Amino acid sequence: MQRSVSAHLELDISGRTDMVFSLAVSANSLFNRESLSITLDGEPQVPTELVDRHGTRLHRLIGGAGRMVVDYSAEVEGRSQPAPVDEIDLVTYLRPSRYCESDSLLPTARSEFAGLSGHALLTAVTLWVWEKLSYVPGSSLVTDGAARTLMARRGVCRDYAHLVIALLRALDVPARMAAVYAPGLSPMDFHAVAEAHIDGQWWVVDATRLAPRQSLLRISTGRDAADIAFLTNHWADLMLTKLDVLAVADTLPFDDGQQLLQLG
């Protein structure tokens, strides 16, 4: 499978700012080509690339006030092999986190999924979240976590992923979040999915069912949305005035939502 992705950002920056972009496809991917361009008032800027143990690539840049334009594109051939399981991850991704309050949702998880384990549990949680929530763009706040999403019964991809992750962690299944490019997604945007560690492997699940999981291309990996934001800034304020995301694949497989798949 060949996948082509791109992202275009335009920013108005009020002053000297420390920015971290998470737009690049994971370092573990098989690239045919890739490019990243950042300009500030037309002048090229050179970021520093930071890579974590998951292959997440962060591009950090300190710049002044002005109009910034960011363009990223890549073409990836085939599917990457899963990274080795890290024992530290199995501890980190069991803990409650800011947006995945697994401790608060423990009674709900035990009540709804009593007696289930392994892949049956993973399928049941994903289906339950898909049935309980309504996908409503703009319905949630950036500060909403899994508990509030469950009460509201609606959200967007990050909210679906947070709830899946929180319920799984409450039942002692390590779970994490991944930002992805998602061919087949409509309307096109960055997308967020969950991964669960069962029987020695990480399996990707998407309770929104908005794009085939076989086509997803990993950008970043973390505990929740706080770890996978496409842009983080400190010091001065900035305004994102334009965001265009594109992801296409030469074929879009059928995904019934039940098959066990790994993110590659």
Protein backbone atom coordinates (compact mmCIF):
# COMPACT_ATOMS: atom_id res chain seq x y z
CA MET A 1 0.00 0.00 0.00
CA GLN A 2 1.29 3.45 -0.94
CA ARG A 3 0.15 6.41 1.15
CA SER A 4 0.70 10.11 0.45
CA VAL A 5 0.12 12.71 3.18
CA SER A 6 0.52 16.44 3.63
CA ALA A 7 -0.19 19.22 6.11
CA HIS A 8 -0.27 23.00 5.56
CA LEU A 9 -0.35 25.42 8.49
CA GLU A 10 -0.45 29.21 8.60
CA LEU A 11 0.21 31.00 11.89
CA ASP A 12 0.19 34.59 13.13
CA ILE A 13 2.78 34.87 15.91
CA SER A 14 2.69 37.79 18.35
CA GLY A 15 6.26 37.57 19.65
CA ARG A 16 9.25 35.37 20.38
CA THR A 17 7.82 31.85 20.71
CA ASP A 18 9.01 28.33 21.42
CA MET A 19 7.06 26.00 19.08
CA VAL A 20 7.00 22.23 18.75
CA PHE A 21 5.36 20.71 15.66
CA SER A 22 4.28 17.07 15.47
CA LEU A 23 3.40 16.68 11.80
CA ALA A 24 5.98 14.23 10.49
CA VAL A 25 5.21 10.57 9.94
CA SER A 26 6.84 8.22 12.45
CA ALA A 27 10.54 7.53 11.91
CA ASN A 28 9.77 3.80 11.65
CA SER A 29 7.98 4.29 8.30
CA LEU A 30 9.31 3.31 4.86
CA PHE A 31 9.69 6.61 3.01
CA ASN A 32 9.76 7.17 -0.74
CA ARG A 33 10.04 10.91 -0.19
CA GLU A 34 9.54 13.51 2.52
CA SER A 35 9.83 17.28 2.89
CA LEU A 36 9.33 19.90 5.59
CA SER A 37 9.37 23.65 4.95
CA ILE A 38 8.94 26.39 7.56
CA THR A 39 9.11 30.10 6.73
CA LEU A 40 8.64 33.19 8.89
CA ASP A 41 7.68 36.27 6.85
CA GLY A 42 9.11 34.45 3.84
CA GLU A 43 12.45 33.61 5.46
CA PRO A 44 13.35 29.89 5.78
CA GLN A 45 13.54 28.54 9.34
CA VAL A 46 15.49 25.46 10.43
CA PRO A 47 13.92 23.41 13.24
CA THR A 48 15.62 20.88 15.50
CA GLU A 49 14.30 17.33 15.16
CA LEU A 50 13.75 15.28 18.33
CA VAL A 51 12.86 11.57 18.13
CA ASP A 52 11.42 9.51 20.99
CA ARG A 53 11.49 5.75 21.57
CA HIS A 54 8.24 5.28 19.61
CA GLY A 55 9.64 7.00 16.53
CA THR A 56 7.63 10.17 17.18
CA ARG A 57 9.44 13.07 15.50
CA LEU A 58 9.07 16.52 17.02
CA HIS A 59 10.33 19.61 15.20
CA ARG A 60 11.20 22.39 17.62
CA LEU A 61 11.70 25.97 16.53
CA ILE A 62 12.17 29.25 18.39
CA GLY A 63 11.03 32.17 16.27
CA GLY A 64 9.96 35.78 16.49
CA ALA A 65 6.77 37.62 15.64
CA GLY A 66 5.35 37.39 12.14
CA ARG A 67 3.52 35.20 9.66
CA MET A 68 4.64 31.56 9.69
CA VAL A 69 3.86 29.01 6.98
CA VAL A 70 4.53 25.30 7.53
CA ASP A 71 4.34 22.67 4.80
CA TYR A 72 4.96 18.96 5.32
CA SER A 73 4.54 16.11 2.85
CA ALA A 74 5.56 12.46 2.64
CA GLU A 75 5.00 9.36 0.57
CA VAL A 76 5.26 6.03 2.37
CA GLU A 77 5.51 2.61 0.71
CA GLY A 78 4.15 -0.50 2.42
CA ARG A 79 3.57 -1.00 6.12
CA SER A 80 6.23 -0.69 8.80
CA GLN A 81 7.03 -3.49 11.21
CA PRO A 82 5.75 -2.97 14.77
CA ALA A 83 8.36 -1.63 17.17
CA PRO A 84 9.47 -3.98 19.97
CA VAL A 85 7.32 -3.84 23.09
CA ASP A 86 8.90 -1.62 25.75
CA GLU A 87 8.43 -2.83 29.33
CA ILE A 88 8.31 0.77 30.56
CA ASP A 89 5.31 1.36 28.29
CA LEU A 90 3.43 -1.43 30.01
CA VAL A 91 3.74 0.53 33.25
CA THR A 92 3.22 4.04 31.83
CA TYR A 93 0.13 3.15 29.82
CA LEU A 94 -1.63 1.51 32.75
CA ARG A 95 -1.62 4.71 34.81
CA PRO A 96 -4.43 7.27 34.80
CA SER A 97 -3.53 10.40 32.83
CA ARG A 98 -4.95 13.88 32.39
CA TYR A 99 -7.57 12.96 29.76
CA CYS A 100 -7.95 9.25 30.56
CA GLU A 101 -9.23 9.06 34.13
CA SER A 102 -9.22 5.30 34.44
CA ASP A 103 -9.45 5.50 38.24
CA SER A 104 -12.70 7.49 38.04
CA LEU A 105 -14.17 5.12 35.45
CA LEU A 106 -13.23 1.92 37.28
CA PRO A 107 -16.78 1.21 38.59
CA THR A 108 -18.26 1.70 35.10
CA ALA A 109 -15.65 -0.51 33.47
CA ARG A 110 -16.11 -3.35 35.96
CA SER A 111 -19.90 -3.17 35.71
CA GLU A 112 -20.08 -3.12 31.91
CA PHE A 113 -17.33 -5.61 31.06
CA ALA A 114 -17.35 -8.12 33.92
CA GLY A 115 -15.93 -11.51 32.99
CA LEU A 116 -14.27 -10.37 29.75
CA SER A 117 -10.56 -10.40 28.98
CA GLY A 118 -8.13 -10.39 26.08
CA HIS A 119 -9.40 -9.76 22.57
CA ALA A 120 -13.04 -10.25 23.62
CA LEU A 121 -12.66 -7.37 26.06
CA LEU A 122 -11.02 -5.16 23.44
CA THR A 123 -13.83 -5.80 20.97
CA ALA A 124 -16.51 -5.24 23.60
CA VAL A 125 -15.06 -1.91 24.81
CA THR A 126 -14.64 -0.58 21.28
CA LEU A 127 -18.18 -1.55 20.29
CA TRP A 128 -19.62 -0.13 23.53
CA VAL A 129 -17.97 3.26 22.97
CA TRP A 130 -19.11 3.30 19.33
CA GLU A 131 -22.69 2.64 20.43
CA LYS A 132 -22.73 5.02 23.41
CA LEU A 133 -21.24 8.11 21.76
CA SER A 134 -22.37 10.29 18.88
CA TYR A 135 -19.72 11.85 16.66
CA VAL A 136 -20.47 15.60 16.77
CA PRO A 137 -17.76 17.99 15.50
CA GLY A 138 -17.24 20.92 17.85
CA SER A 139 -19.18 19.29 20.68
CA SER A 140 -16.30 18.97 23.14
CA LEU A 141 -13.80 21.28 24.79
CA VAL A 142 -10.03 20.79 24.57
CA THR A 143 -10.07 20.25 28.35
CA ASP A 144 -12.64 17.42 28.24
CA GLY A 145 -11.48 14.01 29.42
CA ALA A 146 -12.98 10.55 29.18
CA ALA A 147 -15.30 10.97 32.18
CA ARG A 148 -16.89 14.12 30.79
CA THR A 149 -17.15 12.55 27.34
CA LEU A 150 -19.08 9.63 28.81
CA MET A 151 -21.48 11.98 30.56
CA ALA A 152 -22.00 14.07 27.41
CA ARG A 153 -22.38 10.98 25.20
CA ARG A 154 -20.77 12.80 22.28
CA GLY A 155 -17.41 13.99 21.02
CA VAL A 156 -14.81 13.73 18.26
CA CYS A 157 -12.04 11.23 17.56
CA ARG A 158 -9.86 12.24 20.50
CA ASP A 159 -12.82 11.84 22.86
CA TYR A 160 -13.64 8.37 21.53
CA ALA A 161 -10.00 7.33 21.93
CA HIS A 162 -9.79 8.76 25.46
CA LEU A 163 -12.83 6.80 26.59
CA VAL A 164 -11.60 3.53 25.07
CA ILE A 165 -8.19 4.00 26.69
CA ALA A 166 -9.59 4.91 30.12
CA LEU A 167 -11.92 1.88 30.20
CA LEU A 168 -9.15 -0.50 29.16
CA ARG A 169 -6.67 0.86 31.70
CA ALA A 170 -9.35 0.53 34.39
CA LEU A 171 -9.43 -3.18 33.54
CA ASP A 172 -5.64 -3.57 33.71
CA VAL A 173 -5.01 -3.44 29.96
CA PRO A 174 -2.19 -1.05 28.93
CA ALA A 175 -3.61 1.42 26.40
CA ARG A 176 -2.22 4.44 24.62
CA MET A 177 -3.14 7.06 22.02
CA ALA A 178 -1.79 7.63 18.53
CA ALA A 179 -2.16 10.59 16.20
CA VAL A 180 -2.41 9.43 12.59
CA TYR A 181 -2.91 10.47 9.02
CA ALA A 182 -6.10 8.71 7.95
CA PRO A 183 -6.80 8.05 4.26
CA GLY A 184 -10.54 7.71 3.81
CA LEU A 185 -11.40 10.13 6.61
CA SER A 186 -14.10 12.69 5.76
CA PRO A 187 -13.89 15.55 6.40
CA MET A 188 -10.11 15.28 6.22
CA ASP A 189 -8.14 16.23 9.35
CA PHE A 190 -5.62 14.76 11.75
CA HIS A 191 -7.12 11.69 13.42
CA ALA A 192 -6.68 10.00 16.81
CA VAL A 193 -7.01 6.30 17.65
CA ALA A 194 -6.28 3.98 20.57
CA GLU A 195 -3.87 1.08 20.89
CA ALA A 196 -4.19 -1.74 23.44
CA HIS A 197 -1.54 -4.21 24.58
CA ILE A 198 -2.94 -7.75 24.61
CA ASP A 199 -1.11 -11.07 24.27
CA GLY A 200 2.24 -9.38 23.79
CA GLN A 201 1.23 -7.06 20.93
CA TRP A 202 -0.18 -3.58 20.43
CA TRP A 203 -3.52 -3.61 18.57
CA VAL A 204 -5.09 -0.50 17.05
CA VAL A 205 -8.79 0.24 17.60
CA ASP A 206 -10.93 3.10 16.36
CA ALA A 207 -14.37 3.42 17.91
CA THR A 208 -15.34 6.16 15.45
CA ARG A 209 -15.11 3.76 12.46
CA LEU A 210 -14.43 6.78 10.23
CA ALA A 211 -11.44 5.39 8.30
CA PRO A 212 -10.03 1.93 7.60
CA ARG A 213 -7.39 1.10 10.18
CA GLN A 214 -5.22 -0.64 7.56
CA SER A 215 -4.58 2.72 5.88
CA LEU A 216 -3.63 4.69 9.02
CA LEU A 217 -0.15 6.17 9.21
CA ARG A 218 1.33 6.90 12.63
CA ILE A 219 2.50 10.39 13.51
CA SER A 220 2.94 10.29 17.29
CA THR A 221 2.26 8.13 20.32
CA GLY A 222 1.49 9.01 23.93
CA ARG A 223 -0.66 8.74 27.04
CA ASP A 224 -3.45 10.95 25.71
CA ALA A 225 -4.05 14.11 23.65
CA ALA A 226 -1.59 16.10 25.77
CA ASP A 227 1.25 13.99 24.34
CA ILE A 228 0.25 13.98 20.66
CA ALA A 229 -0.76 17.58 19.90
CA PHE A 230 0.27 18.65 16.38
CA LEU A 231 1.40 22.04 17.76
CA THR A 232 2.57 23.15 21.18
CA ASN A 233 3.76 26.69 21.92
CA HIS A 234 5.20 28.60 24.87
CA TRP A 235 6.01 32.24 25.69
CA ALA A 236 4.13 34.45 23.22
CA ASP A 237 0.65 33.85 21.80
CA LEU A 238 -0.03 32.61 18.31
CA MET A 239 -3.13 32.08 16.18
CA LEU A 240 -3.61 29.20 13.78
CA THR A 241 -5.31 30.83 10.79
CA LYS A 242 -5.27 27.91 8.36
CA LEU A 243 -4.92 24.15 8.57
CA ASP A 244 -5.18 21.79 5.60
CA VAL A 245 -4.54 18.05 5.96
CA LEU A 246 -4.54 15.50 3.15
CA ALA A 247 -4.07 11.73 3.29
CA VAL A 248 -4.65 9.35 0.40
CA ALA A 249 -3.85 5.70 -0.29
CA ASP A 250 -3.66 3.76 -3.52
CA THR A 251 -6.25 1.39 -2.07
CA LEU A 252 -8.73 1.66 0.80
CA PRO A 253 -9.34 -1.76 2.38
CA PHE A 254 -12.65 -2.70 3.97
CA ASP A 255 -12.53 -2.57 7.76
CA ASP A 256 -15.31 -4.33 9.68
CA GLY A 257 -14.04 -2.96 12.98
CA GLN A 258 -13.64 -6.46 14.45
CA GLN A 259 -10.38 -7.67 12.88
CA LEU A 260 -7.21 -7.54 14.97
CA LEU A 261 -4.84 -5.06 13.32
CA GLN A 262 -1.58 -3.34 14.16
CA LEU A 263 -0.82 0.25 13.30
CA GLY A 264 1.68 0.34 10.45
